PDB file of N, CA and C in Angstrom:
ATOM      1  N   MET A   1      15.042  45.301   6.639  1.00  0.00           N
ATOM      2  CA  MET A   1      15.676  44.437   7.608  1.00  0.00           C
ATOM      3  C   MET A   1      16.464  43.362   6.878  1.00  0.00           C
ATOM      4  N   ALA A   2      17.694  43.229   7.203  1.00  0.00           N
ATOM      5  CA  ALA A   2      18.560  42.247   6.559  1.00  0.00           C
ATOM      6  C   ALA A   2      18.382  40.891   7.235  1.00  0.00           C
ATOM      7  N   THR A   3      18.392  39.850   6.417  1.00  0.00           N
ATOM      8  CA  THR A   3      18.293  38.505   6.990  1.00  0.00           C
ATOM      9  C   THR A   3      19.663  37.864   6.971  1.00  0.00           C
ATOM     10  N   THR A   4      19.914  37.075   7.962  1.00  0.00           N
ATOM     11  CA  THR A   4      21.190  36.372   8.029  1.00  0.00           C
ATOM     12  C   THR A   4      20.969  34.918   7.648  1.00  0.00           C
ATOM     13  N   GLY A   5      22.032  34.206   7.430  1.00  0.00           N
ATOM     14  CA  GLY A   5      21.950  32.802   7.058  1.00  0.00           C
ATOM     15  C   GLY A   5      21.401  31.925   8.163  1.00  0.00           C
ATOM     16  N   THR A   6      21.393  32.427   9.393  1.00  0.00           N
ATOM     17  CA  THR A   6      20.902  31.629  10.514  1.00  0.00           C
ATOM     18  C   THR A   6      19.476  31.985  10.906  1.00  0.00           C
ATOM     19  N   ALA A   7      18.830  32.873  10.141  1.00  0.00           N
ATOM     20  CA  ALA A   7      17.460  33.279  10.466  1.00  0.00           C
ATOM     21  C   ALA A   7      16.513  32.099  10.284  1.00  0.00           C
ATOM     22  N   LEU A   8      15.556  31.987  11.176  1.00  0.00           N
ATOM     23  CA  LEU A   8      14.579  30.909  11.100  1.00  0.00           C
ATOM     24  C   LEU A   8      13.511  31.238  10.069  1.00  0.00           C
ATOM     25  N   VAL A   9      13.043  30.207   9.410  1.00  0.00           N
ATOM     26  CA  VAL A   9      11.953  30.364   8.448  1.00  0.00           C
ATOM     27  C   VAL A   9      10.650  30.279   9.246  1.00  0.00           C
ATOM     28  N   PRO A  10       9.735  31.215   9.064  1.00  0.00           N
ATOM     29  CA  PRO A  10       8.461  31.139   9.780  1.00  0.00           C
ATOM     30  C   PRO A  10       7.743  29.823   9.501  1.00  0.00           C
ATOM     31  N   ALA A  11       7.010  29.335  10.504  1.00  0.00           N
ATOM     32  CA  ALA A  11       6.360  28.022  10.413  1.00  0.00           C
ATOM     33  C   ALA A  11       5.464  27.899   9.185  1.00  0.00           C
ATOM     34  N   GLY A  12       4.693  28.932   8.876  1.00  0.00           N
ATOM     35  CA  GLY A  12       3.806  28.874   7.716  1.00  0.00           C
ATOM     36  C   GLY A  12       4.570  28.701   6.416  1.00  0.00           C
ATOM     37  N   GLU A  13       5.666  29.413   6.288  1.00  0.00           N
ATOM     38  CA  GLU A  13       6.488  29.292   5.075  1.00  0.00           C
ATOM     39  C   GLU A  13       7.136  27.919   5.005  1.00  0.00           C
ATOM     40  N   HIS A  14       7.558  27.398   6.157  1.00  0.00           N
ATOM     41  CA  HIS A  14       8.190  26.076   6.184  1.00  0.00           C
ATOM     42  C   HIS A  14       7.214  25.010   5.695  1.00  0.00           C
ATOM     43  N   GLN A  15       5.975  25.061   6.158  1.00  0.00           N
ATOM     44  CA  GLN A  15       4.977  24.095   5.722  1.00  0.00           C
ATOM     45  C   GLN A  15       4.704  24.221   4.229  1.00  0.00           C
ATOM     46  N   GLN A  16       4.670  25.440   3.730  1.00  0.00           N
ATOM     47  CA  GLN A  16       4.441  25.658   2.301  1.00  0.00           C
ATOM     48  C   GLN A  16       5.598  25.087   1.488  1.00  0.00           C
ATOM     49  N   LEU A  17       6.822  25.301   1.941  1.00  0.00           N
ATOM     50  CA  LEU A  17       7.987  24.757   1.240  1.00  0.00           C
ATOM     51  C   LEU A  17       7.963  23.230   1.244  1.00  0.00           C
ATOM     52  N   ARG A  18       7.559  22.641   2.363  1.00  0.00           N
ATOM     53  CA  ARG A  18       7.471  21.178   2.435  1.00  0.00           C
ATOM     54  C   ARG A  18       6.437  20.641   1.444  1.00  0.00           C
ATOM     55  N   ARG A  19       5.278  21.306   1.332  1.00  0.00           N
ATOM     56  CA  ARG A  19       4.247  20.883   0.382  1.00  0.00           C
ATOM     57  C   ARG A  19       4.750  20.980  -1.051  1.00  0.00           C
ATOM     58  N   VAL A  20       5.427  22.079  -1.362  1.00  0.00           N
ATOM     59  CA  VAL A  20       5.971  22.258  -2.715  1.00  0.00           C
ATOM     60  C   VAL A  20       7.004  21.175  -3.011  1.00  0.00           C
ATOM     61  N   TRP A  21       7.877  20.903  -2.037  1.00  0.00           N
ATOM     62  CA  TRP A  21       8.913  19.881  -2.235  1.00  0.00           C
ATOM     63  C   TRP A  21       8.267  18.509  -2.465  1.00  0.00           C
ATOM     64  N   ARG A  22       7.251  18.149  -1.667  1.00  0.00           N
ATOM     65  CA  ARG A  22       6.577  16.865  -1.841  1.00  0.00           C
ATOM     66  C   ARG A  22       5.938  16.754  -3.217  1.00  0.00           C
ATOM     67  N   ARG A  23       5.341  17.845  -3.697  1.00  0.00           N
ATOM     68  CA  ARG A  23       4.732  17.838  -5.030  1.00  0.00           C
ATOM     69  C   ARG A  23       5.790  17.650  -6.118  1.00  0.00           C
ATOM     70  N   LEU A  24       6.943  18.298  -5.949  1.00  0.00           N
ATOM     71  CA  LEU A  24       8.020  18.141  -6.932  1.00  0.00           C
ATOM     72  C   LEU A  24       8.530  16.705  -6.960  1.00  0.00           C
ATOM     73  N   VAL A  25       8.712  16.102  -5.800  1.00  0.00           N
ATOM     74  CA  VAL A  25       9.164  14.711  -5.732  1.00  0.00           C
ATOM     75  C   VAL A  25       8.123  13.794  -6.355  1.00  0.00           C
ATOM     76  N   GLN A  26       6.848  14.020  -6.039  1.00  0.00           N
ATOM     77  CA  GLN A  26       5.784  13.212  -6.604  1.00  0.00           C
ATOM     78  C   GLN A  26       5.753  13.335  -8.128  1.00  0.00           C
ATOM     79  N   THR A  27       5.905  14.543  -8.634  1.00  0.00           N
ATOM     80  CA  THR A  27       5.918  14.762 -10.080  1.00  0.00           C
ATOM     81  C   THR A  27       7.090  14.046 -10.735  1.00  0.00           C
ATOM     82  N   ALA A  28       8.260  14.134 -10.114  1.00  0.00           N
ATOM     83  CA  ALA A  28       9.437  13.454 -10.662  1.00  0.00           C
ATOM     84  C   ALA A  28       9.227  11.949 -10.704  1.00  0.00           C
ATOM     85  N   ARG A  29       8.658  11.398  -9.649  1.00  0.00           N
ATOM     86  CA  ARG A  29       8.401   9.955  -9.624  1.00  0.00           C
ATOM     87  C   ARG A  29       7.392   9.554 -10.690  1.00  0.00           C
ATOM     88  N   LEU A  30       6.342  10.345 -10.845  1.00  0.00           N
ATOM     89  CA  LEU A  30       5.346  10.029 -11.869  1.00  0.00           C
ATOM     90  C   LEU A  30       5.940  10.104 -13.267  1.00  0.00           C
ATOM     91  N   CYS A  31       6.865  11.036 -13.479  1.00  0.00           N
ATOM     92  CA  CYS A  31       7.531  11.138 -14.785  1.00  0.00           C
ATOM     93  C   CYS A  31       8.345   9.890 -15.089  1.00  0.00           C
ATOM     94  N   CYS A  32       8.857   9.261 -14.044  1.00  0.00           N
ATOM     95  CA  CYS A  32       9.651   8.036 -14.202  1.00  0.00           C
ATOM     96  C   CYS A  32       8.783   6.791 -14.173  1.00  0.00           C
ATOM     97  N   GLY A  33       7.478   6.961 -13.976  1.00  0.00           N
ATOM     98  CA  GLY A  33       6.583   5.821 -13.950  1.00  0.00           C
ATOM     99  C   GLY A  33       6.433   5.181 -12.589  1.00  0.00           C
ATOM    100  N   ILE A  34       6.807   5.871 -11.527  1.00  0.00           N
ATOM    101  CA  ILE A  34       6.691   5.333 -10.176  1.00  0.00           C
ATOM    102  C   ILE A  34       5.618   6.123  -9.439  1.00  0.00           C
ATOM    103  N   PRO A  35       4.422   5.560  -9.271  1.00  0.00           N
ATOM    104  CA  PRO A  35       3.374   6.273  -8.547  1.00  0.00           C
ATOM    105  C   PRO A  35       3.770   6.504  -7.093  1.00  0.00           C
ATOM    106  N   ASP A  36       3.120   7.447  -6.463  1.00  0.00           N
ATOM    107  CA  ASP A  36       3.420   7.817  -5.092  1.00  0.00           C
ATOM    108  C   ASP A  36       2.830   6.789  -4.127  1.00  0.00           C
ATOM    109  N   TYR A  37       3.672   6.155  -3.334  1.00  0.00           N
ATOM    110  CA  TYR A  37       3.245   5.114  -2.402  1.00  0.00           C
ATOM    111  C   TYR A  37       2.265   5.652  -1.360  1.00  0.00           C
ATOM    112  N   ASP A  38       2.546   6.831  -0.814  1.00  0.00           N
ATOM    113  CA  ASP A  38       1.662   7.402   0.209  1.00  0.00           C
ATOM    114  C   ASP A  38       0.252   7.628  -0.335  1.00  0.00           C
ATOM    115  N   ASN A  39       0.154   8.144  -1.546  1.00  0.00           N
ATOM    116  CA  ASN A  39      -1.169   8.341  -2.152  1.00  0.00           C
ATOM    117  C   ASN A  39      -1.860   7.004  -2.408  1.00  0.00           C
ATOM    118  N   TYR A  40      -1.088   6.000  -2.801  1.00  0.00           N
ATOM    119  CA  TYR A  40      -1.643   4.673  -3.047  1.00  0.00           C
ATOM    120  C   TYR A  40      -2.209   4.082  -1.754  1.00  0.00           C
ATOM    121  N   VAL A  41      -1.451   4.196  -0.666  1.00  0.00           N
ATOM    122  CA  VAL A  41      -1.912   3.684   0.628  1.00  0.00           C
ATOM    123  C   VAL A  41      -3.177   4.424   1.063  1.00  0.00           C
ATOM    124  N   ARG A  42      -3.182   5.738   0.911  1.00  0.00           N
ATOM    125  CA  ARG A  42      -4.356   6.530   1.274  1.00  0.00           C
ATOM    126  C   ARG A  42      -5.578   6.086   0.455  1.00  0.00           C
ATOM    127  N   HIS A  43      -5.372   5.869  -0.840  1.00  0.00           N
ATOM    128  CA  HIS A  43      -6.456   5.416  -1.715  1.00  0.00           C
ATOM    129  C   HIS A  43      -6.990   4.059  -1.253  1.00  0.00           C
ATOM    130  N   LEU A  44      -6.082   3.118  -0.958  1.00  0.00           N
ATOM    131  CA  LEU A  44      -6.528   1.807  -0.506  1.00  0.00           C
ATOM    132  C   LEU A  44      -7.327   1.900   0.789  1.00  0.00           C
ATOM    133  N   MET A  45      -6.857   2.708   1.718  1.00  0.00           N
ATOM    134  CA  MET A  45      -7.542   2.835   3.004  1.00  0.00           C
ATOM    135  C   MET A  45      -8.929   3.444   2.842  1.00  0.00           C
ATOM    136  N   GLU A  46      -9.065   4.414   1.946  1.00  0.00           N
ATOM    137  CA  GLU A  46     -10.350   5.093   1.764  1.00  0.00           C
ATOM    138  C   GLU A  46     -11.322   4.310   0.885  1.00  0.00           C
ATOM    139  N   LYS A  47     -10.828   3.769  -0.221  1.00  0.00           N
ATOM    140  CA  LYS A  47     -11.714   3.160  -1.219  1.00  0.00           C
ATOM    141  C   LYS A  47     -11.792   1.638  -1.148  1.00  0.00           C
ATOM    142  N   HIS A  48     -10.754   0.991  -0.644  1.00  0.00           N
ATOM    143  CA  HIS A  48     -10.692  -0.469  -0.627  1.00  0.00           C
ATOM    144  C   HIS A  48     -10.177  -0.969   0.723  1.00  0.00           C
ATOM    145  N   PRO A  49     -10.899  -0.702   1.809  1.00  0.00           N
ATOM    146  CA  PRO A  49     -10.398  -1.080   3.138  1.00  0.00           C
ATOM    147  C   PRO A  49     -10.251  -2.593   3.328  1.00  0.00           C
ATOM    148  N   GLU A  50     -10.896  -3.386   2.483  1.00  0.00           N
ATOM    149  CA  GLU A  50     -10.795  -4.840   2.620  1.00  0.00           C
ATOM    150  C   GLU A  50      -9.485  -5.386   2.060  1.00  0.00           C
ATOM    151  N   ARG A  51      -8.810  -4.629   1.229  1.00  0.00           N
ATOM    152  CA  ARG A  51      -7.556  -5.090   0.625  1.00  0.00           C
ATOM    153  C   ARG A  51      -6.380  -4.887   1.590  1.00  0.00           C
ATOM    154  N   PRO A  52      -5.442  -5.834   1.586  1.00  0.00           N
ATOM    155  CA  PRO A  52      -4.233  -5.639   2.402  1.00  0.00           C
ATOM    156  C   PRO A  52      -3.346  -4.561   1.771  1.00  0.00           C
ATOM    157  N   ILE A  53      -2.646  -3.829   2.600  1.00  0.00           N
ATOM    158  CA  ILE A  53      -1.755  -2.775   2.114  1.00  0.00           C
ATOM    159  C   ILE A  53      -0.356  -3.371   1.960  1.00  0.00           C
ATOM    160  N   PRO A  54       0.170  -3.383   0.738  1.00  0.00           N
ATOM    161  CA  PRO A  54       1.502  -3.965   0.525  1.00  0.00           C
ATOM    162  C   PRO A  54       2.600  -3.057   1.082  1.00  0.00           C
ATOM    163  N   ASP A  55       3.732  -3.664   1.408  1.00  0.00           N
ATOM    164  CA  ASP A  55       4.873  -2.846   1.806  1.00  0.00           C
ATOM    165  C   ASP A  55       5.435  -2.158   0.562  1.00  0.00           C
ATOM    166  N   TYR A  56       6.377  -1.236   0.763  1.00  0.00           N
ATOM    167  CA  TYR A  56       6.870  -0.444  -0.365  1.00  0.00           C
ATOM    168  C   TYR A  56       7.537  -1.321  -1.429  1.00  0.00           C
ATOM    169  N   ALA A  57       8.307  -2.327  -0.996  1.00  0.00           N
ATOM    170  CA  ALA A  57       9.010  -3.183  -1.969  1.00  0.00           C
ATOM    171  C   ALA A  57       8.009  -3.923  -2.863  1.00  0.00           C
ATOM    172  N   THR A  58       6.952  -4.440  -2.268  1.00  0.00           N
ATOM    173  CA  THR A  58       5.922  -5.133  -3.047  1.00  0.00           C
ATOM    174  C   THR A  58       5.221  -4.165  -3.981  1.00  0.00           C
ATOM    175  N   PHE A  59       4.872  -2.987  -3.477  1.00  0.00           N
ATOM    176  CA  PHE A  59       4.240  -1.953  -4.289  1.00  0.00           C
ATOM    177  C   PHE A  59       5.119  -1.605  -5.489  1.00  0.00           C
ATOM    178  N   PHE A  60       6.419  -1.395  -5.247  1.00  0.00           N
ATOM    179  CA  PHE A  60       7.342  -1.034  -6.319  1.00  0.00           C
ATOM    180  C   PHE A  60       7.409  -2.138  -7.369  1.00  0.00           C
ATOM    181  N   ARG A  61       7.501  -3.391  -6.925  1.00  0.00           N
ATOM    182  CA  ARG A  61       7.550  -4.521  -7.850  1.00  0.00           C
ATOM    183  C   ARG A  61       6.270  -4.604  -8.682  1.00  0.00           C
ATOM    184  N   GLN A  62       5.112  -4.401  -8.039  1.00  0.00           N
ATOM    185  CA  GLN A  62       3.845  -4.424  -8.768  1.00  0.00           C
ATOM    186  C   GLN A  62       3.796  -3.327  -9.828  1.00  0.00           C
ATOM    187  N   ARG A  63       4.272  -2.150  -9.507  1.00  0.00           N
ATOM    188  CA  ARG A  63       4.271  -1.040 -10.466  1.00  0.00           C
ATOM    189  C   ARG A  63       5.211  -1.336 -11.625  1.00  0.00           C
ATOM    190  N   GLN A  64       6.370  -1.918 -11.328  1.00  0.00           N
ATOM    191  CA  GLN A  64       7.290  -2.272 -12.419  1.00  0.00           C
ATOM    192  C   GLN A  64       6.667  -3.331 -13.321  1.00  0.00           C
ATOM    193  N   ASP A  65       6.045  -4.344 -12.704  1.00  0.00           N
ATOM    194  CA  ASP A  65       5.400  -5.395 -13.503  1.00  0.00           C
ATOM    195  C   ASP A  65       4.293  -4.815 -14.371  1.00  0.00           C
ATOM    196  N   ALA A  66       3.517  -3.887 -13.815  1.00  0.00           N
ATOM    197  CA  ALA A  66       2.437  -3.276 -14.578  1.00  0.00           C
ATOM    198  C   ALA A  66       2.983  -2.453 -15.742  1.00  0.00           C
ATOM    199  N   ARG A  67       4.113  -1.808 -15.518  1.00  0.00           N
ATOM    200  CA  ARG A  67       4.661  -0.956 -16.568  1.00  0.00           C
ATOM    201  C   ARG A  67       5.398  -1.745 -17.644  1.00  0.00           C
ATOM    202  N   TYR A  68       6.174  -2.738 -17.210  1.00  0.00           N
ATOM    203  CA  TYR A  68       7.044  -3.437 -18.160  1.00  0.00           C
ATOM    204  C   TYR A  68       6.556  -4.829 -18.525  1.00  0.00           C
ATOM    205  N   GLY A  69       5.402  -5.225 -18.062  1.00  0.00           N
ATOM    206  CA  GLY A  69       4.858  -6.517 -18.463  1.00  0.00           C
ATOM    207  C   GLY A  69       5.135  -7.655 -17.494  1.00  0.00           C
ATOM    208  N   GLY A  70       6.097  -7.525 -16.617  1.00  0.00           N
ATOM    209  CA  GLY A  70       6.346  -8.511 -15.587  1.00  0.00           C
ATOM    210  C   GLY A  70       6.872  -9.858 -16.056  1.00  0.00           C
ATOM    211  N   GLY A  71       6.893 -10.131 -17.311  1.00  0.00           N
ATOM    212  CA  GLY A  71       7.337 -11.439 -17.790  1.00  0.00           C
ATOM    213  C   GLY A  71       8.780 -11.412 -18.280  1.00  0.00           C
ATOM    214  N   GLY A  72       9.566 -10.495 -17.820  1.00  0.00           N
ATOM    215  CA  GLY A  72      10.914 -10.383 -18.326  1.00  0.00           C
ATOM    216  C   GLY A  72      10.921  -9.536 -19.577  1.00  0.00           C
ATOM    217  N   PHE A  73      12.041  -9.468 -20.201  1.00  0.00           N
ATOM    218  CA  PHE A  73      12.152  -8.658 -21.404  1.00  0.00           C
ATOM    219  C   PHE A  73      11.809  -9.498 -22.622  1.00  0.00           C
ATOM    220  N   ARG A  74      11.188  -8.856 -23.555  1.00  0.00           N
ATOM    221  CA  ARG A  74      10.830  -9.559 -24.770  1.00  0.00           C
ATOM    222  C   ARG A  74      11.091  -8.654 -25.959  1.00  0.00           C
ATOM    223  N   CYS A  75      11.272  -9.278 -27.056  1.00  0.00           N
ATOM    224  CA  CYS A  75      11.511  -8.526 -28.281  1.00  0.00           C
ATOM    225  C   CYS A  75      10.234  -8.567 -29.103  1.00  0.00           C
ATOM    226  N   CYS A  76       9.667  -7.401 -29.371  1.00  0.00           N
ATOM    227  CA  CYS A  76       8.467  -7.277 -30.199  1.00  0.00           C
ATOM    228  C   CYS A  76       7.237  -7.691 -29.500  1.00  0.00           C
TER     229      CYS A  76
END
């Protein structure tokens, strides 16, 4: 049976493709030093419910500070 460009992808395959795509994006972000925000929020909700959940901008800034020292650039 020939498939055309307008054929629908079965629901099961679509969900599998979405999972693979999310994993690829997550891997790319981790390679660049940017942890996955969704996983971080899930972790906070499960393990540290007393902590406030930061918005994405705050989360990103915290990750940059943790990676690069947060005190600006320095030599040596």
